[in-house]
Amino acid sequence: MEKQNNYMRLEFYAKDSNVAAARLAAAAFGADLGFTLTDIEEIKVGVSEGVSNAMIHGYCGDESRLVEMVLSAEGGNFSIVIKDDGVGIADVKKAMEPTYSTISDRL
């Protein structure tokens, strides 16, 4: 069976409870594309990391801000994009170092 193209865009408040909702949406999207359970677990971990980073680092815990997640499948390619309009990264080179964080008790 040929894989179908698909697209989903979700926008939600930067609330901890919405991390789980984003994970579930991505899992359902991936399952429809034929990913294995192992692949879907990896997708869920990636979504958790991306959404949590937007909330913690982009918005510094401000739950009134919006996070956007876009999932797309086209021509055999699958992508997930997590967007925020938070504070940004002051020093991208430094941020690429393993274990670096602007918050002392986080990696």
Protein backbone atom coordinates (compact mmCIF):
# COMPACT_ATOMS: atom_id res chain seq x y z
CA MET A 1 0.00 0.00 0.00
CA GLU A 2 1.36 3.40 -0.98
CA LYS A 3 1.88 5.91 1.83
CA GLN A 4 -0.44 8.89 1.70
CA ASN A 5 0.66 12.48 2.13
CA ASN A 6 -0.63 14.07 5.32
CA TYR A 7 -0.34 17.32 7.27
CA MET A 8 -1.31 18.37 10.79
CA ARG A 9 -0.82 21.69 12.60
CA LEU A 10 -1.54 22.03 16.31
CA GLU A 11 -1.33 25.15 18.44
CA PHE A 12 -1.57 24.95 22.21
CA TYR A 13 -0.73 26.78 25.41
CA ALA A 14 2.68 26.13 26.95
CA LYS A 15 1.16 24.04 29.76
CA ASP A 16 2.80 20.86 31.02
CA SER A 17 -0.40 18.87 30.38
CA ASN A 18 -0.17 19.71 26.67
CA VAL A 19 3.13 17.86 26.31
CA ALA A 20 1.21 14.59 26.62
CA ALA A 21 -1.41 15.75 24.11
CA ALA A 22 1.30 16.67 21.59
CA ARG A 23 2.96 13.26 22.11
CA LEU A 24 -0.32 11.45 21.48
CA ALA A 25 -1.09 13.47 18.36
CA ALA A 26 2.36 12.72 16.94
CA ALA A 27 2.01 9.03 17.82
CA ALA A 28 -1.34 8.79 16.02
CA PHE A 29 0.08 10.64 13.01
CA GLY A 30 3.10 8.30 12.89
CA ALA A 31 1.00 5.16 13.34
CA ASP A 32 -1.08 6.11 10.31
CA LEU A 33 2.15 6.32 8.30
CA GLY A 34 3.11 2.77 9.22
CA PHE A 35 5.92 3.46 11.71
CA THR A 36 6.78 0.64 14.10
CA LEU A 37 6.02 0.88 17.82
CA THR A 38 9.72 1.49 18.46
CA ASP A 39 9.74 4.32 15.91
CA ILE A 40 6.61 5.83 17.47
CA GLU A 41 8.22 5.78 20.93
CA GLU A 42 11.20 7.68 19.49
CA ILE A 43 8.85 10.18 17.85
CA LYS A 44 7.09 10.71 21.19
CA VAL A 45 10.41 11.31 22.96
CA GLY A 46 11.46 13.85 20.33
CA VAL A 47 8.14 15.68 20.59
CA SER A 48 8.41 15.74 24.39
CA GLU A 49 11.91 17.23 24.17
CA GLY A 50 10.97 19.84 21.58
CA VAL A 51 7.76 20.97 23.25
CA SER A 52 9.35 20.98 26.72
CA ASN A 53 12.30 23.04 25.44
CA ALA A 54 9.92 25.62 23.97
CA MET A 55 8.08 25.87 27.27
CA ILE A 56 11.09 25.89 29.60
CA HIS A 57 13.71 27.78 27.62
CA GLY A 58 11.67 29.79 25.12
CA TYR A 59 8.93 30.93 27.45
CA CYS A 60 10.58 30.47 30.86
CA GLY A 61 7.47 28.69 32.12
CA ASP A 62 4.94 31.32 30.97
CA GLU A 63 1.88 29.12 30.36
CA SER A 64 -0.01 31.89 28.55
CA ARG A 65 2.27 31.59 25.48
CA LEU A 66 1.55 29.40 22.44
CA VAL A 67 3.55 26.51 21.03
CA GLU A 68 2.95 25.25 17.49
CA MET A 69 3.64 21.72 16.28
CA VAL A 70 3.52 20.91 12.58
CA LEU A 71 3.68 17.29 11.36
CA SER A 72 3.93 16.50 7.69
CA ALA A 73 4.41 13.52 5.44
CA GLU A 74 5.04 14.08 1.78
CA GLY A 75 6.81 12.05 -0.87
CA GLY A 76 8.13 9.54 1.66
CA ASN A 77 9.53 12.25 3.97
CA PHE A 78 8.30 12.81 7.52
CA SER A 79 8.93 15.97 9.53
CA ILE A 80 8.04 17.45 12.88
CA VAL A 81 8.55 21.14 13.55
CA ILE A 82 8.08 22.67 16.99
CA LYS A 83 7.76 26.47 16.94
CA ASP A 84 7.75 29.13 19.64
CA ASP A 85 8.32 32.87 19.64
CA GLY A 86 10.26 32.89 22.89
CA VAL A 87 13.47 34.56 24.00
CA GLY A 88 15.72 32.82 21.47
CA ILE A 89 19.26 31.54 21.92
CA ALA A 90 21.80 34.22 22.78
CA ASP A 91 24.86 32.09 21.94
CA VAL A 92 24.01 29.32 19.47
CA LYS A 93 27.58 27.96 19.40
CA LYS A 94 27.61 27.62 23.20
CA ALA A 95 24.13 26.07 23.14
CA MET A 96 25.42 23.29 20.85
CA GLU A 97 27.85 22.07 23.51
CA PRO A 98 26.85 18.82 25.25
CA THR A 99 25.10 19.37 28.60
CA TYR A 100 24.99 23.18 28.19
CA SER A 101 21.92 24.93 29.55
CA THR A 102 20.98 28.44 30.52
CA ILE A 103 19.27 26.91 33.56
CA SER A 104 21.76 25.52 36.07
CA ASP A 105 19.84 22.39 37.11
CA ARG A 106 19.01 21.26 33.52
CA LEU A 107 20.94 19.72 30.66
